[in-house]
Amino acid sequence: MLFLFAILSFVGHSLFYRANLPKQFQDVPNHRSMHEKPVKKSAGIVFVGIFLALLTIQFFSNELRKEDYLFILIGTSFFCILGFIDDLIHLSSVLKLVLEIIFLAVLLNFFPQRIHFFGLEIYFPIGVSILLLILFIVFTTNLCNFMDGLDSYLSGSFLAFTINLIFLTGLESQTSLILISMLISMTGFFYFNLPNAKMFMGDSGSLSIGFLISTSLFLLKDIGSENSIKGTVFVIPFLIPIFFLDGIVTIVKRTIQKQNVFLAHKEHLYQRIQTEVLTKVQTIVLFIGLNFIPLIVFIGIHYFGTSLIIGFSIILILEVFIYSFLDSLT
């Protein structure tokens, strides 16, 4: 079935690429852009639609729990639709933020999630718990939107995230099934998004991927090894560390400099490296590759029997060192 959906993804994205769509679907380059010619955008609406169809089939085939299916279906649909509207008519950042917060407050009220620290529940008043989760999800979804500025970078980072998480949770986990389903749905997009990209995912895709990343650790079961990291949201940045580190450092810098963090710019490290040091393809390979460092560390942990805390410390030290070195080159 997954193979058939991979073919459907190629067909769907091919039709989208060849379709004569209004100019709102064109990403026209400006002085902040990393591309030089107009590129068709909003392809996220294609692969998210395929993903939700595949998800529905898996639910009725009893491969997904009802609560997980509804949570992902509703959440992904909202962020995809919001992003698609923003792609077409450019909503204000404040309005988007308010809509995201209101939606998540309602969603988490109906589907409450528990914060854990390696299986230990951290008890907060329900309002505080929901607020913390809203902040994390909003931050992560919008970070993915901010970092979607180079061909194949966000989609490649999502691939790295999925592989790294699968190594921790196992291929048979509920989370793995959902993330792999999204990757299968993106098969055609991967092809058309290779440098020099023929299409972009737009906010409809980046916000949806951000939502999946930020909520992935809530979809694990409360049994066995999965329980140790279920709901441990601080683990997520360590699964694509250079991606998060670049985004966070840039946001902090722009905040200190009193610049609008929501305004498009070319100040991320990957943008500066591509502009001043490496070619586009070299930059993509380098930064996606750096997001696979956790996999190497996790393999070492598995082999030597070291704790995850030590592994996360190693990842952080390595990524900060690499980030500082690359930053010094620009």
C-alpha atoms as a PDB file:
ATOM      1  CA  MET A   1       0.000   0.000   0.000  1.00  0.00           C
ATOM      2  CA  LEU A   2       2.834   2.412   0.816  1.00  0.00           C
ATOM      3  CA  PHE A   3       4.308   1.820  -2.647  1.00  0.00           C
ATOM      4  CA  LEU A   4       0.988   2.754  -4.267  1.00  0.00           C
ATOM      5  CA  PHE A   5       0.862   5.974  -2.256  1.00  0.00           C
ATOM      6  CA  ALA A   6       4.439   6.778  -3.297  1.00  0.00           C
ATOM      7  CA  ILE A   7       3.300   6.494  -6.923  1.00  0.00           C
ATOM      8  CA  LEU A   8       0.242   8.617  -6.112  1.00  0.00           C
ATOM      9  CA  SER A   9       2.582  11.222  -4.664  1.00  0.00           C
ATOM     10  CA  PHE A  10       4.588  11.382  -7.901  1.00  0.00           C
ATOM     11  CA  VAL A  11       1.408  11.671  -9.959  1.00  0.00           C
ATOM     12  CA  GLY A  12      -0.146  14.286  -7.683  1.00  0.00           C
ATOM     13  CA  HIS A  13       2.946  16.492  -7.590  1.00  0.00           C
ATOM     14  CA  SER A  14       3.462  16.132 -11.331  1.00  0.00           C
ATOM     15  CA  LEU A  15      -0.088  17.323 -11.962  1.00  0.00           C
ATOM     16  CA  PHE A  16       0.407  20.181  -9.514  1.00  0.00           C
ATOM     17  CA  TYR A  17       3.629  21.195 -11.262  1.00  0.00           C
ATOM     18  CA  ARG A  18       2.005  21.175 -14.707  1.00  0.00           C
ATOM     19  CA  ALA A  19      -1.228  22.857 -13.624  1.00  0.00           C
ATOM     20  CA  ASN A  20      -1.896  26.389 -14.834  1.00  0.00           C
ATOM     21  CA  LEU A  21      -2.503  28.004 -11.445  1.00  0.00           C
ATOM     22  CA  PRO A  22      -3.030  31.680 -10.505  1.00  0.00           C
ATOM     23  CA  LYS A  23      -0.012  33.898  -9.818  1.00  0.00           C
ATOM     24  CA  GLN A  24      -0.606  33.531  -6.067  1.00  0.00           C
ATOM     25  CA  PHE A  25       0.948  30.086  -6.425  1.00  0.00           C
ATOM     26  CA  GLN A  26       4.222  31.562  -7.660  1.00  0.00           C
ATOM     27  CA  ASP A  27       7.039  32.393  -5.238  1.00  0.00           C
ATOM     28  CA  VAL A  28       8.635  35.388  -6.932  1.00  0.00           C
ATOM     29  CA  PRO A  29      12.226  35.941  -5.695  1.00  0.00           C
ATOM     30  CA  ASN A  30      13.293  39.120  -3.924  1.00  0.00           C
ATOM     31  CA  HIS A  31      16.478  40.289  -2.191  1.00  0.00           C
ATOM     32  CA  ARG A  32      15.817  37.890   0.709  1.00  0.00           C
ATOM     33  CA  SER A  33      15.221  34.813  -1.466  1.00  0.00           C
ATOM     34  CA  MET A  34      17.614  31.929  -2.057  1.00  0.00           C
ATOM     35  CA  HIS A  35      16.204  31.231  -5.531  1.00  0.00           C
ATOM     36  CA  GLU A  36      16.546  33.338  -8.680  1.00  0.00           C
ATOM     37  CA  LYS A  37      13.446  32.476 -10.725  1.00  0.00           C
ATOM     38  CA  PRO A  38       9.737  32.218  -9.840  1.00  0.00           C
ATOM     39  CA  VAL A  39       8.949  28.797  -8.370  1.00  0.00           C
ATOM     40  CA  LYS A  40       5.546  27.217  -7.838  1.00  0.00           C
ATOM     41  CA  LYS A  41       4.702  27.070  -4.121  1.00  0.00           C
ATOM     42  CA  SER A  42       2.048  25.561  -1.811  1.00  0.00           C
ATOM     43  CA  ALA A  43       2.837  21.953  -2.789  1.00  0.00           C
ATOM     44  CA  GLY A  44       2.246  21.127   0.863  1.00  0.00           C
ATOM     45  CA  ILE A  45      -1.464  21.019   0.121  1.00  0.00           C
ATOM     46  CA  VAL A  46      -0.748  18.036  -2.167  1.00  0.00           C
ATOM     47  CA  PHE A  47       1.377  15.858   0.090  1.00  0.00           C
ATOM     48  CA  VAL A  48      -0.615  16.685   3.230  1.00  0.00           C
ATOM     49  CA  GLY A  49      -3.795  15.661   1.425  1.00  0.00           C
ATOM     50  CA  ILE A  50      -2.198  12.355   0.389  1.00  0.00           C
ATOM     51  CA  PHE A  51      -0.874  11.880   3.934  1.00  0.00           C
ATOM     52  CA  LEU A  52      -4.312  12.350   5.495  1.00  0.00           C
ATOM     53  CA  ALA A  53      -5.832   9.889   3.029  1.00  0.00           C
ATOM     54  CA  LEU A  54      -3.162   7.309   3.894  1.00  0.00           C
ATOM     55  CA  LEU A  55      -3.665   8.014   7.591  1.00  0.00           C
ATOM     56  CA  THR A  56      -7.407   7.381   7.246  1.00  0.00           C
ATOM     57  CA  ILE A  57      -6.853   4.053   5.537  1.00  0.00           C
ATOM     58  CA  GLN A  58      -4.437   3.034   8.305  1.00  0.00           C
ATOM     59  CA  PHE A  59      -7.012   3.975  10.929  1.00  0.00           C
ATOM     60  CA  PHE A  60      -9.771   1.887   9.359  1.00  0.00           C
ATOM     61  CA  SER A  61      -7.244  -0.940   8.987  1.00  0.00           C
ATOM     62  CA  ASN A  62      -6.767  -0.789  12.776  1.00  0.00           C
ATOM     63  CA  GLU A  63      -3.133   0.303  12.460  1.00  0.00           C
ATOM     64  CA  LEU A  64      -3.714   3.562  14.365  1.00  0.00           C
ATOM     65  CA  ARG A  65      -5.353   4.283  17.693  1.00  0.00           C
ATOM     66  CA  LYS A  66      -8.479   6.431  17.391  1.00  0.00           C
ATOM     67  CA  GLU A  67      -7.181   9.224  19.626  1.00  0.00           C
ATOM     68  CA  ASP A  68      -3.887   9.453  17.702  1.00  0.00           C
ATOM     69  CA  TYR A  69      -5.672   9.440  14.354  1.00  0.00           C
ATOM     70  CA  LEU A  70      -8.071  12.232  15.320  1.00  0.00           C
ATOM     71  CA  PHE A  71      -5.330  14.276  16.983  1.00  0.00           C
ATOM     72  CA  ILE A  72      -3.079  14.174  13.891  1.00  0.00           C
ATOM     73  CA  LEU A  73      -5.968  14.509  11.435  1.00  0.00           C
ATOM     74  CA  ILE A  74      -7.377  17.632  13.088  1.00  0.00           C
ATOM     75  CA  GLY A  75      -4.034  19.232  13.930  1.00  0.00           C
ATOM     76  CA  THR A  76      -2.376  18.653  10.564  1.00  0.00           C
ATOM     77  CA  SER A  77      -5.490  19.754   8.667  1.00  0.00           C
ATOM     78  CA  PHE A  78      -5.650  23.017  10.610  1.00  0.00           C
ATOM     79  CA  PHE A  79      -2.008  23.950  10.089  1.00  0.00           C
ATOM     80  CA  CYS A  80      -2.130  22.946   6.425  1.00  0.00           C
ATOM     81  CA  ILE A  81      -5.236  25.067   5.763  1.00  0.00           C
ATOM     82  CA  LEU A  82      -3.864  28.005   7.753  1.00  0.00           C
ATOM     83  CA  GLY A  83      -0.572  27.802   5.880  1.00  0.00           C
ATOM     84  CA  PHE A  84      -2.347  27.505   2.525  1.00  0.00           C
ATOM     85  CA  ILE A  85      -4.416  30.625   3.217  1.00  0.00           C
ATOM     86  CA  ASP A  86      -1.251  32.448   4.268  1.00  0.00           C
ATOM     87  CA  ASP A  87       0.475  31.315   1.056  1.00  0.00           C
ATOM     88  CA  LEU A  88      -2.292  32.896  -1.007  1.00  0.00           C
ATOM     89  CA  ILE A  89      -3.214  36.100   0.843  1.00  0.00           C
ATOM     90  CA  HIS A  90      -0.326  36.624   3.319  1.00  0.00           C
ATOM     91  CA  LEU A  91      -1.931  36.802   6.761  1.00  0.00           C
ATOM     92  CA  SER A  92      -0.336  39.017   9.378  1.00  0.00           C
ATOM     93  CA  SER A  93       2.067  37.210  11.715  1.00  0.00           C
ATOM     94  CA  VAL A  94       0.058  38.367  14.750  1.00  0.00           C
ATOM     95  CA  LEU A  95      -3.196  36.976  13.360  1.00  0.00           C
ATOM     96  CA  LYS A  96      -1.550  33.641  12.541  1.00  0.00           C
ATOM     97  CA  LEU A  97      -0.076  33.443  16.022  1.00  0.00           C
ATOM     98  CA  VAL A  98      -3.417  34.170  17.682  1.00  0.00           C
ATOM     99  CA  LEU A  99      -5.232  31.589  15.538  1.00  0.00           C
ATOM    100  CA  GLU A 100      -2.586  28.960  16.305  1.00  0.00           C
ATOM    101  CA  ILE A 101      -2.787  29.573  20.055  1.00  0.00           C
ATOM    102  CA  ILE A 102      -6.591  29.465  20.135  1.00  0.00           C
ATOM    103  CA  PHE A 103      -6.700  26.302  18.046  1.00  0.00           C
ATOM    104  CA  LEU A 104      -4.078  24.505  20.142  1.00  0.00           C
ATOM    105  CA  ALA A 105      -5.816  25.515  23.382  1.00  0.00           C
ATOM    106  CA  VAL A 106      -8.985  23.836  22.117  1.00  0.00           C
ATOM    107  CA  LEU A 107      -7.181  20.810  20.646  1.00  0.00           C
ATOM    108  CA  LEU A 108      -5.189  20.106  23.805  1.00  0.00           C
ATOM    109  CA  ASN A 109      -8.334  20.475  25.889  1.00  0.00           C
ATOM    110  CA  PHE A 110      -9.972  17.646  23.936  1.00  0.00           C
ATOM    111  CA  PHE A 111      -6.763  15.623  23.565  1.00  0.00           C
ATOM    112  CA  PRO A 112      -4.773  16.338  26.758  1.00  0.00           C
ATOM    113  CA  GLN A 113      -1.120  15.330  26.619  1.00  0.00           C
ATOM    114  CA  ARG A 114       1.148  14.660  29.583  1.00  0.00           C
ATOM    115  CA  ILE A 115       4.637  16.079  29.885  1.00  0.00           C
ATOM    116  CA  HIS A 116       7.208  13.497  30.917  1.00  0.00           C
ATOM    117  CA  PHE A 117      10.888  13.436  31.724  1.00  0.00           C
ATOM    118  CA  PHE A 118      12.118   9.988  30.708  1.00  0.00           C
ATOM    119  CA  GLY A 119       8.924   8.359  31.914  1.00  0.00           C
ATOM    120  CA  LEU A 120       8.511  10.498  35.026  1.00  0.00           C
ATOM    121  CA  GLU A 121       5.402  12.662  34.934  1.00  0.00           C
ATOM    122  CA  ILE A 122       5.890  16.320  35.798  1.00  0.00           C
ATOM    123  CA  TYR A 123       2.703  17.511  37.446  1.00  0.00           C
ATOM    124  CA  PHE A 124       1.563  21.005  36.561  1.00  0.00           C
ATOM    125  CA  PRO A 125      -1.864  22.586  36.952  1.00  0.00           C
ATOM    126  CA  ILE A 126      -3.728  21.709  33.757  1.00  0.00           C
ATOM    127  CA  GLY A 127      -3.650  25.326  32.569  1.00  0.00           C
ATOM    128  CA  VAL A 128       0.131  25.550  32.985  1.00  0.00           C
ATOM    129  CA  SER A 129       0.674  22.216  31.248  1.00  0.00           C
ATOM    130  CA  ILE A 130      -1.441  23.233  28.260  1.00  0.00           C
ATOM    131  CA  LEU A 131       0.306  26.609  28.074  1.00  0.00           C
ATOM    132  CA  LEU A 132       3.767  24.997  27.996  1.00  0.00           C
ATOM    133  CA  LEU A 133       2.716  22.609  25.256  1.00  0.00           C
ATOM    134  CA  ILE A 134       1.122  25.400  23.220  1.00  0.00           C
ATOM    135  CA  LEU A 135       4.326  27.434  23.422  1.00  0.00           C
ATOM    136  CA  PHE A 136       6.441  24.479  22.336  1.00  0.00           C
ATOM    137  CA  ILE A 137       4.188  23.490  19.434  1.00  0.00           C
ATOM    138  CA  VAL A 138       3.797  27.077  18.209  1.00  0.00           C
ATOM    139  CA  PHE A 139       7.548  27.643  18.427  1.00  0.00           C
ATOM    140  CA  THR A 140       8.426  24.433  16.569  1.00  0.00           C
ATOM    141  CA  THR A 141       5.840  24.822  13.798  1.00  0.00           C
ATOM    142  CA  ASN A 142       6.904  28.387  13.111  1.00  0.00           C
ATOM    143  CA  LEU A 143      10.585  27.493  13.350  1.00  0.00           C
ATOM    144  CA  CYS A 144      10.045  25.002  10.520  1.00  0.00           C
ATOM    145  CA  ASN A 145       8.367  27.792   8.586  1.00  0.00           C
ATOM    146  CA  PHE A 146      11.307  30.155   9.203  1.00  0.00           C
ATOM    147  CA  MET A 147      13.901  27.522   8.257  1.00  0.00           C
ATOM    148  CA  ASP A 148      12.238  26.578   4.972  1.00  0.00           C
ATOM    149  CA  GLY A 149      14.444  28.747   2.805  1.00  0.00           C
ATOM    150  CA  LEU A 150      16.713  26.372   0.882  1.00  0.00           C
ATOM    151  CA  ASP A 151      15.847  23.624  -1.600  1.00  0.00           C
ATOM    152  CA  SER A 152      15.337  20.258   0.126  1.00  0.00           C
ATOM    153  CA  TYR A 153      16.540  21.519   3.529  1.00  0.00           C
ATOM    154  CA  LEU A 154      13.320  21.239   5.537  1.00  0.00           C
ATOM    155  CA  SER A 155      12.206  18.039   3.825  1.00  0.00           C
ATOM    156  CA  GLY A 156      15.693  16.538   4.254  1.00  0.00           C
ATOM    157  CA  SER A 157      15.763  17.568   7.909  1.00  0.00           C
ATOM    158  CA  PHE A 158      12.356  15.930   8.404  1.00  0.00           C
ATOM    159  CA  LEU A 159      13.813  12.752   6.887  1.00  0.00           C
ATOM    160  CA  ALA A 160      16.727  12.936   9.355  1.00  0.00           C
ATOM    161  CA  PHE A 161      14.319  13.554  12.241  1.00  0.00           C
ATOM    162  CA  THR A 162      12.254  10.512  11.292  1.00  0.00           C
ATOM    163  CA  ILE A 163      15.269   8.196  10.989  1.00  0.00           C
ATOM    164  CA  ASN A 164      16.771   9.415  14.269  1.00  0.00           C
ATOM    165  CA  LEU A 165      13.461   8.985  16.104  1.00  0.00           C
ATOM    166  CA  ILE A 166      12.853   5.539  14.615  1.00  0.00           C
ATOM    167  CA  PHE A 167      16.196   4.412  15.996  1.00  0.00           C
ATOM    168  CA  LEU A 168      15.032   5.465  19.472  1.00  0.00           C
ATOM    169  CA  THR A 169      11.455   4.176  19.362  1.00  0.00           C
ATOM    170  CA  GLY A 170      11.614   1.259  16.947  1.00  0.00           C
ATOM    171  CA  LEU A 171      10.182   0.798  13.483  1.00  0.00           C
ATOM    172  CA  GLU A 172       6.931  -0.658  14.822  1.00  0.00           C
ATOM    173  CA  SER A 173       5.956   2.325  16.965  1.00  0.00           C
ATOM    174  CA  GLN A 174       2.850   4.413  16.298  1.00  0.00           C
ATOM    175  CA  THR A 175       5.034   7.472  15.797  1.00  0.00           C
ATOM    176  CA  SER A 176       7.195   5.724  13.203  1.00  0.00           C
ATOM    177  CA  LEU A 177       4.120   4.674  11.222  1.00  0.00           C
ATOM    178  CA  ILE A 178       2.804   8.241  11.111  1.00  0.00           C
ATOM    179  CA  LEU A 179       6.128   9.880  10.215  1.00  0.00           C
ATOM    180  CA  ILE A 180       6.909   7.289   7.549  1.00  0.00           C
ATOM    181  CA  SER A 181       3.446   7.838   6.092  1.00  0.00           C
ATOM    182  CA  MET A 182       4.247  11.530   5.709  1.00  0.00           C
ATOM    183  CA  LEU A 183       7.585  10.728   4.059  1.00  0.00           C
ATOM    184  CA  ILE A 184       5.856   8.379   1.602  1.00  0.00           C
ATOM    185  CA  SER A 185       3.327  11.112   0.826  1.00  0.00           C
ATOM    186  CA  MET A 186       6.221  13.502   0.149  1.00  0.00           C
ATOM    187  CA  THR A 187       7.976  11.180  -2.318  1.00  0.00           C
ATOM    188  CA  GLY A 188       7.001  13.228  -5.370  1.00  0.00           C
ATOM    189  CA  PHE A 189       7.782  16.480  -3.568  1.00  0.00           C
ATOM    190  CA  PHE A 190      11.312  15.298  -2.761  1.00  0.00           C
ATOM    191  CA  TYR A 191      11.941  14.895  -6.488  1.00  0.00           C
ATOM    192  CA  PHE A 192      10.549  18.290  -7.500  1.00  0.00           C
ATOM    193  CA  ASN A 193      12.235  20.062  -4.575  1.00  0.00           C
ATOM    194  CA  LEU A 194      15.773  18.953  -5.440  1.00  0.00           C
ATOM    195  CA  PRO A 195      18.118  21.818  -6.431  1.00  0.00           C
ATOM    196  CA  ASN A 196      17.258  23.803  -8.395  1.00  0.00           C
ATOM    197  CA  ALA A 197      13.743  23.335  -7.049  1.00  0.00           C
ATOM    198  CA  LYS A 198      10.739  23.222  -9.346  1.00  0.00           C
ATOM    199  CA  MET A 199       8.307  23.635  -6.435  1.00  0.00           C
ATOM    200  CA  PHE A 200       8.214  24.685  -2.787  1.00  0.00           C
ATOM    201  CA  MET A 201       6.010  23.267  -0.044  1.00  0.00           C
ATOM    202  CA  GLY A 202       4.983  26.732   1.217  1.00  0.00           C
ATOM    203  CA  ASP A 203       3.505  27.391   4.649  1.00  0.00           C
ATOM    204  CA  SER A 204       0.888  24.691   4.050  1.00  0.00           C
ATOM    205  CA  GLY A 205       3.684  22.122   4.140  1.00  0.00           C
ATOM    206  CA  SER A 206       6.153  23.655   6.600  1.00  0.00           C
ATOM    207  CA  LEU A 207       3.561  24.301   9.321  1.00  0.00           C
ATOM    208  CA  SER A 208       2.169  20.780   8.924  1.00  0.00           C
ATOM    209  CA  ILE A 209       5.616  19.217   9.220  1.00  0.00           C
ATOM    210  CA  GLY A 210       6.352  21.415  12.234  1.00  0.00           C
ATOM    211  CA  PHE A 211       3.172  20.186  13.918  1.00  0.00           C
ATOM    212  CA  LEU A 212       4.118  16.548  13.310  1.00  0.00           C
ATOM    213  CA  ILE A 213       7.629  17.082  14.660  1.00  0.00           C
ATOM    214  CA  SER A 214       6.474  18.942  17.761  1.00  0.00           C
ATOM    215  CA  THR A 215       3.829  16.354  18.706  1.00  0.00           C
ATOM    216  CA  SER A 216       5.611  13.161  17.631  1.00  0.00           C
ATOM    217  CA  LEU A 217       6.660  12.093  21.131  1.00  0.00           C
ATOM    218  CA  PHE A 218       3.061  12.171  22.371  1.00  0.00           C
ATOM    219  CA  LEU A 219       2.088   9.370  19.988  1.00  0.00           C
ATOM    220  CA  LEU A 220       4.172   6.687  21.674  1.00  0.00           C
ATOM    221  CA  LYS A 221       2.638   3.945  23.777  1.00  0.00           C
ATOM    222  CA  ASP A 222       2.854   3.918  27.576  1.00  0.00           C
ATOM    223  CA  ILE A 223       4.741   0.643  27.588  1.00  0.00           C
ATOM    224  CA  GLY A 224       8.292  -0.648  27.354  1.00  0.00           C
ATOM    225  CA  SER A 225      11.160   1.468  26.094  1.00  0.00           C
ATOM    226  CA  GLU A 226       8.822   3.944  24.410  1.00  0.00           C
ATOM    227  CA  ASN A 227       7.559   5.109  27.794  1.00  0.00           C
ATOM    228  CA  SER A 228      10.975   6.524  28.723  1.00  0.00           C
ATOM    229  CA  ILE A 229      10.747   9.348  26.162  1.00  0.00           C
ATOM    230  CA  LYS A 230       6.967   9.606  25.662  1.00  0.00           C
ATOM    231  CA  GLY A 231       6.059  13.281  25.989  1.00  0.00           C
ATOM    232  CA  THR A 232       9.679  14.263  26.766  1.00  0.00           C
ATOM    233  CA  VAL A 233       9.493  17.224  24.407  1.00  0.00           C
ATOM    234  CA  PHE A 234      12.984  18.554  25.169  1.00  0.00           C
ATOM    235  CA  VAL A 235      14.322  15.495  23.289  1.00  0.00           C
ATOM    236  CA  ILE A 236      12.945  16.786  19.961  1.00  0.00           C
ATOM    237  CA  PRO A 237      15.565  19.511  19.314  1.00  0.00           C
ATOM    238  CA  PHE A 238      18.293  16.884  19.806  1.00  0.00           C
ATOM    239  CA  LEU A 239      16.891  14.838  16.919  1.00  0.00           C
ATOM    240  CA  ILE A 240      17.650  17.576  14.357  1.00  0.00           C
ATOM    241  CA  PRO A 241      20.087  19.671  16.417  1.00  0.00           C
ATOM    242  CA  ILE A 242      21.759  21.915  13.839  1.00  0.00           C
ATOM    243  CA  PHE A 243      18.312  22.762  12.463  1.00  0.00           C
ATOM    244  CA  PHE A 244      17.008  23.881  15.867  1.00  0.00           C
ATOM    245  CA  LEU A 245      20.301  25.489  16.938  1.00  0.00           C
ATOM    246  CA  ASP A 246      20.485  27.628  13.803  1.00  0.00           C
ATOM    247  CA  GLY A 247      16.877  28.721  14.182  1.00  0.00           C
ATOM    248  CA  ILE A 248      17.107  29.497  17.896  1.00  0.00           C
ATOM    249  CA  VAL A 249      20.420  31.385  17.685  1.00  0.00           C
ATOM    250  CA  THR A 250      19.157  33.494  14.782  1.00  0.00           C
ATOM    251  CA  ILE A 251      15.916  34.351  16.580  1.00  0.00           C
ATOM    252  CA  VAL A 252      17.838  35.330  19.736  1.00  0.00           C
ATOM    253  CA  LYS A 253      20.250  37.500  17.734  1.00  0.00           C
ATOM    254  CA  ARG A 254      17.450  39.288  15.905  1.00  0.00           C
ATOM    255  CA  THR A 255      15.536  39.791  19.166  1.00  0.00           C
ATOM    256  CA  ILE A 256      18.603  41.332  20.835  1.00  0.00           C
ATOM    257  CA  GLN A 257      19.079  43.578  17.803  1.00  0.00           C
ATOM    258  CA  LYS A 258      15.389  44.551  18.059  1.00  0.00           C
ATOM    259  CA  GLN A 259      14.627  43.218  14.579  1.00  0.00           C
ATOM    260  CA  ASN A 260      11.314  41.678  13.561  1.00  0.00           C
ATOM    261  CA  VAL A 261      11.785  37.918  14.004  1.00  0.00           C
ATOM    262  CA  PHE A 262       8.796  37.232  11.741  1.00  0.00           C
ATOM    263  CA  LEU A 263      10.250  39.177   8.800  1.00  0.00           C
ATOM    264  CA  ALA A 264      11.919  37.127   6.064  1.00  0.00           C
ATOM    265  CA  HIS A 265      15.715  37.479   6.020  1.00  0.00           C
ATOM    266  CA  LYS A 266      18.972  35.758   5.008  1.00  0.00           C
ATOM    267  CA  GLU A 267      20.681  35.659   8.399  1.00  0.00           C
ATOM    268  CA  HIS A 268      20.376  31.954   9.234  1.00  0.00           C
ATOM    269  CA  LEU A 269      23.718  30.175   9.254  1.00  0.00           C
ATOM    270  CA  TYR A 270      22.747  27.864   6.392  1.00  0.00           C
ATOM    271  CA  GLN A 271      21.833  30.915   4.294  1.00  0.00           C
ATOM    272  CA  ARG A 272      25.118  32.679   5.045  1.00  0.00           C
ATOM    273  CA  ILE A 273      27.138  29.533   4.323  1.00  0.00           C
ATOM    274  CA  GLN A 274      25.363  29.062   0.998  1.00  0.00           C
ATOM    275  CA  THR A 275      25.836  32.700   0.041  1.00  0.00           C
ATOM    276  CA  GLU A 276      29.445  33.165   1.142  1.00  0.00           C
ATOM    277  CA  VAL A 277      31.179  29.788   1.427  1.00  0.00           C
ATOM    278  CA  LEU A 278      29.637  26.796  -0.353  1.00  0.00           C
ATOM    279  CA  THR A 279      27.442  26.021  -3.314  1.00  0.00           C
ATOM    280  CA  LYS A 280      23.748  25.317  -2.828  1.00  0.00           C
ATOM    281  CA  VAL A 281      24.147  21.543  -3.170  1.00  0.00           C
ATOM    282  CA  GLN A 282      27.174  21.472  -0.839  1.00  0.00           C
ATOM    283  CA  THR A 283      25.279  23.481   1.777  1.00  0.00           C
ATOM    284  CA  ILE A 284      22.253  21.197   1.602  1.00  0.00           C
ATOM    285  CA  VAL A 285      24.364  18.045   1.931  1.00  0.00           C
ATOM    286  CA  LEU A 286      26.356  19.550   4.814  1.00  0.00           C
ATOM    287  CA  PHE A 287      23.428  20.769   6.913  1.00  0.00           C
ATOM    288  CA  ILE A 288      21.215  17.749   6.334  1.00  0.00           C
ATOM    289  CA  GLY A 289      24.205  15.544   7.095  1.00  0.00           C
ATOM    290  CA  LEU A 290      24.832  17.358  10.381  1.00  0.00           C
ATOM    291  CA  ASN A 291      21.296  16.484  11.440  1.00  0.00           C
ATOM    292  CA  PHE A 292      22.283  12.798  11.238  1.00  0.00           C
ATOM    293  CA  ILE A 293      24.934  13.172  13.963  1.00  0.00           C
ATOM    294  CA  PRO A 294      22.391  12.030  16.610  1.00  0.00           C
ATOM    295  CA  LEU A 295      22.023   8.710  14.762  1.00  0.00           C
ATOM    296  CA  ILE A 296      25.766   8.067  15.088  1.00  0.00           C
ATOM    297  CA  VAL A 297      25.657   9.013  18.783  1.00  0.00           C
ATOM    298  CA  PHE A 298      22.596   6.826  19.417  1.00  0.00           C
ATOM    299  CA  ILE A 299      24.341   3.853  17.769  1.00  0.00           C
ATOM    300  CA  GLY A 300      27.290   4.441  20.090  1.00  0.00           C
ATOM    301  CA  ILE A 301      24.947   4.625  23.082  1.00  0.00           C
ATOM    302  CA  HIS A 302      23.320   1.365  22.056  1.00  0.00           C
ATOM    303  CA  TYR A 303      26.704  -0.330  21.602  1.00  0.00           C
ATOM    304  CA  PHE A 304      28.318   0.904  24.817  1.00  0.00           C
ATOM    305  CA  GLY A 305      25.155   0.981  26.959  1.00  0.00           C
ATOM    306  CA  THR A 306      25.514   4.662  27.840  1.00  0.00           C
ATOM    307  CA  SER A 307      22.562   6.713  29.100  1.00  0.00           C
ATOM    308  CA  LEU A 308      20.590   9.000  26.790  1.00  0.00           C
ATOM    309  CA  ILE A 309      21.461  12.011  28.941  1.00  0.00           C
ATOM    310  CA  ILE A 310      25.154  11.514  28.156  1.00  0.00           C
ATOM    311  CA  GLY A 311      24.272  11.053  24.508  1.00  0.00           C
ATOM    312  CA  PHE A 312      22.313  14.294  24.395  1.00  0.00           C
ATOM    313  CA  SER A 313      25.235  16.083  26.070  1.00  0.00           C
ATOM    314  CA  ILE A 314      27.608  14.773  23.390  1.00  0.00           C
ATOM    315  CA  ILE A 315      25.231  15.870  20.634  1.00  0.00           C
ATOM    316  CA  LEU A 316      24.933  19.356  22.117  1.00  0.00           C
ATOM    317  CA  ILE A 317      28.710  19.792  22.497  1.00  0.00           C
ATOM    318  CA  LEU A 318      29.388  18.561  18.957  1.00  0.00           C
ATOM    319  CA  GLU A 319      26.702  20.713  17.363  1.00  0.00           C
ATOM    320  CA  VAL A 320      27.680  23.877  19.250  1.00  0.00           C
ATOM    321  CA  PHE A 321      31.325  23.355  18.233  1.00  0.00           C
ATOM    322  CA  ILE A 322      30.374  22.745  14.591  1.00  0.00           C
ATOM    323  CA  TYR A 323      27.968  25.681  14.562  1.00  0.00           C
ATOM    324  CA  SER A 324      30.621  28.010  16.027  1.00  0.00           C
ATOM    325  CA  PHE A 325      33.191  26.841  13.471  1.00  0.00           C
ATOM    326  CA  LEU A 326      30.832  27.351  10.522  1.00  0.00           C
ATOM    327  CA  ASP A 327      29.721  30.702  11.902  1.00  0.00           C
ATOM    328  CA  SER A 328      33.354  31.854  11.993  1.00  0.00           C
ATOM    329  CA  LEU A 329      33.619  31.205   8.248  1.00  0.00           C
ATOM    330  CA  THR A 330      31.017  33.860   7.381  1.00  0.00           C
END
